[in-house]
């Protein structure tokens, strides 16, 4: 069986257990041999990315590159790029995650400085292999000049998982990329007998919980990625 597919499936099991396992237990995705899974910096089918709301353009580029390696796009499906996890984080840093704004700015700057000092370029401009190597250093607190780097790694990882697999109403999981990746069919208020079988594969609803009338009256603020209020992507 394809080694990369095994790695991808194993990683998704870890994501599924993320609520019970501390983020430090989750590692950047690699093959069993230790080789990073290659992937494009951005999938050609990724939705258009709007200008950052909270971070600078450079900070947003670095964050997007990190998210792209934590949940990469590959032959088995989309990743954080398609789900716009980095944009979810950027928007949330101006709202629900505002207390982490300075932590992100300091951490992204430290990561780019470490990339420049060790690889001669900014993190977003490195090869995926070099990016994975640096993320391992960050996760293990082995990045010279970057104090408490593991805490920053765990923070970004947790928020990237949120942005990839959250209800799309919150601005991530655009076009239901995260749910489709793990085979989650979405929210539904009724389940037929046929859909309850052990081997059943219910068709995805591609609906947010807040698309249902019973929940629509209590929509949280700062959900959509654009002023028009759309939350399903472009």
Protein backbone atom coordinates (compact mmCIF):
# COMPACT_ATOMS: atom_id res chain seq x y z
CA UNK A 1 0.00 0.00 0.00
CA UNK A 2 1.17 3.52 -0.73
CA UNK A 3 3.27 4.80 2.17
CA UNK A 4 2.02 8.36 1.74
CA UNK A 5 -1.60 7.20 1.90
CA UNK A 6 -0.86 5.37 5.14
CA UNK A 7 0.66 8.54 6.58
CA UNK A 8 -2.30 10.61 5.48
CA UNK A 9 -4.81 8.21 7.03
CA UNK A 10 -2.82 7.99 10.26
CA UNK A 11 -2.68 11.76 10.49
CA UNK A 12 -6.43 12.05 9.99
CA UNK A 13 -6.95 9.60 12.87
CA UNK A 14 -4.92 11.98 15.01
CA UNK A 15 -7.06 14.89 13.91
CA UNK A 16 -10.16 12.93 14.84
CA UNK A 17 -8.75 12.45 18.33
CA UNK A 18 -7.67 16.08 18.65
CA UNK A 19 -10.36 16.84 21.22
CA UNK A 20 -8.90 14.23 23.56
CA UNK A 21 -5.19 14.43 22.74
CA UNK A 22 -3.10 17.52 23.55
CA UNK A 23 -1.87 19.36 20.41
CA UNK A 24 1.75 18.57 21.28
CA UNK A 25 1.03 14.93 20.42
CA UNK A 26 0.33 15.87 16.80
CA UNK A 27 3.29 16.08 14.45
CA UNK A 28 3.79 17.62 11.01
CA UNK A 29 2.65 15.11 8.41
CA UNK A 30 5.50 12.89 7.17
CA UNK A 31 5.84 9.45 5.67
CA UNK A 32 6.86 6.54 7.95
CA UNK A 33 10.41 6.89 6.61
CA UNK A 34 10.57 10.47 7.80
CA UNK A 35 10.38 12.04 4.35
CA UNK A 36 7.96 14.96 4.09
CA UNK A 37 4.94 14.55 1.87
CA UNK A 38 5.43 16.93 -1.03
CA UNK A 39 2.68 19.30 -1.95
CA UNK A 40 2.14 22.49 -3.87
CA UNK A 41 2.44 25.80 -2.05
CA UNK A 42 -1.18 26.37 -3.09
CA UNK A 43 -3.57 24.07 -4.85
CA UNK A 44 -4.69 25.29 -8.26
CA UNK A 45 -8.30 24.69 -7.17
CA UNK A 46 -7.96 26.70 -3.97
CA UNK A 47 -10.50 29.51 -3.63
CA UNK A 48 -9.28 33.06 -4.06
CA UNK A 49 -7.78 34.53 -0.91
CA UNK A 50 -8.81 38.02 0.15
CA UNK A 51 -6.51 40.55 1.78
CA UNK A 52 -5.74 39.85 5.45
CA UNK A 53 -7.86 41.67 8.01
CA UNK A 54 -5.59 41.54 11.06
CA UNK A 55 -2.10 40.40 10.06
CA UNK A 56 0.18 42.11 7.56
CA UNK A 57 0.48 40.63 4.09
CA UNK A 58 3.87 39.14 4.99
CA UNK A 59 2.61 37.65 8.24
CA UNK A 60 -0.43 36.20 6.47
CA UNK A 61 1.81 34.63 3.81
CA UNK A 62 3.96 32.96 6.48
CA UNK A 63 0.90 31.72 8.36
CA UNK A 64 -0.61 30.35 5.16
CA UNK A 65 2.60 28.45 4.41
CA UNK A 66 2.63 26.94 7.90
CA UNK A 67 -1.00 25.84 7.68
CA UNK A 68 -0.35 24.35 4.23
CA UNK A 69 2.28 22.03 5.71
CA UNK A 70 0.35 21.13 8.87
CA UNK A 71 -2.61 19.90 6.83
CA UNK A 72 -1.18 19.62 3.31
CA UNK A 73 -2.89 19.27 -0.02
CA UNK A 74 -1.95 16.01 -1.72
CA UNK A 75 -3.30 13.34 -4.02
CA UNK A 76 -5.70 12.12 -1.35
CA UNK A 77 -7.56 15.37 -0.94
CA UNK A 78 -7.55 19.06 -0.08
CA UNK A 79 -5.95 20.61 2.96
CA UNK A 80 -5.78 23.76 5.04
CA UNK A 81 -5.14 25.90 1.96
CA UNK A 82 -8.45 24.98 0.32
CA UNK A 83 -10.26 25.30 3.65
CA UNK A 84 -8.73 28.76 4.11
CA UNK A 85 -7.63 27.92 7.65
CA UNK A 86 -5.09 30.75 7.67
CA UNK A 87 -7.78 33.28 6.75
CA UNK A 88 -9.97 31.88 9.51
CA UNK A 89 -7.13 32.51 11.98
CA UNK A 90 -6.42 35.99 10.61
CA UNK A 91 -10.06 37.01 10.99
CA UNK A 92 -10.37 35.45 14.44
CA UNK A 93 -7.28 37.34 15.62
CA UNK A 94 -9.39 40.47 15.21
CA UNK A 95 -12.19 38.96 17.25
CA UNK A 96 -12.48 35.78 19.31
CA UNK A 97 -8.72 35.08 19.25
CA UNK A 98 -7.60 38.69 19.73
CA UNK A 99 -5.73 37.78 22.91
CA UNK A 100 -3.30 35.77 20.74
CA UNK A 101 -2.62 38.57 18.25
CA UNK A 102 0.75 39.61 19.72
CA UNK A 103 1.76 35.96 20.16
CA UNK A 104 1.15 35.32 16.47
CA UNK A 105 3.03 38.40 15.33
CA UNK A 106 6.03 37.59 17.52
CA UNK A 107 5.98 33.91 16.56
CA UNK A 108 5.66 34.48 12.82
CA UNK A 109 8.53 36.99 12.93
CA UNK A 110 10.70 34.58 14.92
CA UNK A 111 9.97 31.76 12.49
CA UNK A 112 10.92 33.89 9.49
CA UNK A 113 14.12 35.00 11.22
CA UNK A 114 14.99 31.38 11.93
CA UNK A 115 14.27 30.44 8.31
CA UNK A 116 16.49 33.27 7.05
CA UNK A 117 19.35 32.36 9.38
CA UNK A 118 19.28 28.62 8.64
CA UNK A 119 17.98 28.37 5.07
CA UNK A 120 18.67 31.81 3.61
CA UNK A 121 15.08 32.73 2.78
CA UNK A 122 11.70 33.46 4.35
CA UNK A 123 9.65 30.46 5.44
CA UNK A 124 7.06 30.85 2.69
CA UNK A 125 9.80 30.80 0.02
CA UNK A 126 11.40 27.53 1.14
CA UNK A 127 10.82 24.09 -0.34
CA UNK A 128 8.26 21.92 1.41
CA UNK A 129 11.07 19.68 2.68
CA UNK A 130 12.83 22.65 4.31
CA UNK A 131 9.56 23.95 5.70
CA UNK A 132 8.82 20.59 7.33
CA UNK A 133 12.34 20.45 8.77
CA UNK A 134 11.95 23.88 10.33
CA UNK A 135 8.52 23.03 11.73
CA UNK A 136 10.03 19.98 13.41
CA UNK A 137 12.64 22.22 15.03
CA UNK A 138 9.93 24.63 16.15
CA UNK A 139 7.80 21.85 17.58
CA UNK A 140 10.74 20.39 19.50
CA UNK A 141 11.95 23.73 20.90
CA UNK A 142 15.17 23.29 18.91
CA UNK A 143 15.03 26.53 16.91
CA UNK A 144 17.91 28.78 17.93
CA UNK A 145 16.73 32.23 18.96
CA UNK A 146 13.06 31.20 19.11
CA UNK A 147 12.13 30.79 22.76
CA UNK A 148 8.99 28.82 23.60
CA UNK A 149 8.66 27.80 19.96
CA UNK A 150 6.82 24.57 20.83
CA UNK A 151 4.02 26.55 22.48
CA UNK A 152 3.66 28.62 19.31
CA UNK A 153 3.65 25.49 17.15
CA UNK A 154 0.89 23.92 19.25
CA UNK A 155 -1.14 27.12 19.11
CA UNK A 156 -0.99 27.39 15.32
CA UNK A 157 -1.68 23.67 14.94
CA UNK A 158 -4.78 23.84 17.12
CA UNK A 159 -6.13 26.87 15.27
CA UNK A 160 -5.32 25.33 11.87
CA UNK A 161 -7.34 22.26 12.81
CA UNK A 162 -10.18 24.56 13.89
CA UNK A 163 -10.06 26.49 10.63
CA UNK A 164 -10.00 23.37 8.49
CA UNK A 165 -12.72 21.34 10.20
CA UNK A 166 -15.01 23.90 11.85
CA UNK A 167 -18.56 24.67 10.79
CA UNK A 168 -18.05 26.88 7.71
CA UNK A 169 -20.19 29.58 9.32
CA UNK A 170 -17.10 30.58 11.29
CA UNK A 171 -15.10 31.40 8.18
CA UNK A 172 -13.02 28.25 7.76
CA UNK A 173 -13.74 24.90 6.10
CA UNK A 174 -14.55 26.84 2.92
CA UNK A 175 -16.59 24.86 0.39
CA UNK A 176 -16.67 22.12 3.06
CA UNK A 177 -13.13 21.08 2.10
CA UNK A 178 -12.31 19.83 5.60
CA UNK A 179 -15.50 17.82 6.02
CA UNK A 180 -15.13 16.27 2.59
CA UNK A 181 -11.52 15.36 3.40
CA UNK A 182 -12.48 13.23 6.41
CA UNK A 183 -15.77 12.00 4.95
CA UNK A 184 -18.01 13.85 7.37
CA UNK A 185 -21.39 14.24 5.62
CA UNK A 186 -22.37 17.33 7.57
CA UNK A 187 -25.14 18.38 9.88
CA UNK A 188 -28.56 16.81 9.39
CA UNK A 189 -31.68 16.85 11.55
CA UNK A 190 -32.96 13.42 10.47
CA UNK A 191 -31.15 10.22 9.51
CA UNK A 192 -32.84 7.53 7.46
CA UNK A 193 -32.60 3.83 8.29
CA UNK A 194 -30.37 3.27 5.28
CA UNK A 195 -27.95 5.95 6.44
CA UNK A 196 -27.53 4.24 9.81
CA UNK A 197 -25.84 1.11 8.44
CA UNK A 198 -22.29 0.35 9.47
CA UNK A 199 -21.04 0.68 5.89
CA UNK A 200 -23.39 3.47 4.88
CA UNK A 201 -21.92 6.51 3.17
CA UNK A 202 -24.49 9.29 3.51
CA UNK A 203 -24.35 11.92 0.80
CA UNK A 204 -22.88 15.18 2.12
CA UNK A 205 -25.43 17.86 2.93
CA UNK A 206 -22.93 20.70 2.45
CA UNK A 207 -24.92 22.77 4.92
CA UNK A 208 -23.81 24.74 7.96
CA UNK A 209 -25.73 24.17 11.16
CA UNK A 210 -26.78 27.80 10.86
CA UNK A 211 -28.44 27.12 7.52
CA UNK A 212 -31.19 25.41 9.49
CA UNK A 213 -33.96 27.73 10.59
CA UNK A 214 -33.89 26.48 14.17
CA UNK A 215 -30.29 27.71 14.58
CA UNK A 216 -30.23 30.68 12.21
CA UNK A 217 -31.48 33.14 14.80
CA UNK A 218 -28.40 32.67 16.99
CA UNK A 219 -25.60 33.04 14.46
CA UNK A 220 -22.31 34.12 16.09
CA UNK A 221 -20.66 37.33 14.93
CA UNK A 222 -17.67 37.52 12.55
CA UNK A 223 -18.62 34.41 10.63
CA UNK A 224 -18.39 35.26 6.93
CA UNK A 225 -15.17 35.96 5.08
CA UNK A 226 -16.71 38.78 3.11
CA UNK A 227 -19.04 41.67 3.82
CA UNK A 228 -21.81 40.07 1.83
CA UNK A 229 -22.31 37.47 4.57
CA UNK A 230 -21.59 34.40 2.46
CA UNK A 231 -19.93 31.58 4.36
CA UNK A 232 -19.73 28.75 1.84
CA UNK A 233 -16.80 30.17 -0.15
CA UNK A 234 -16.54 31.77 -3.54
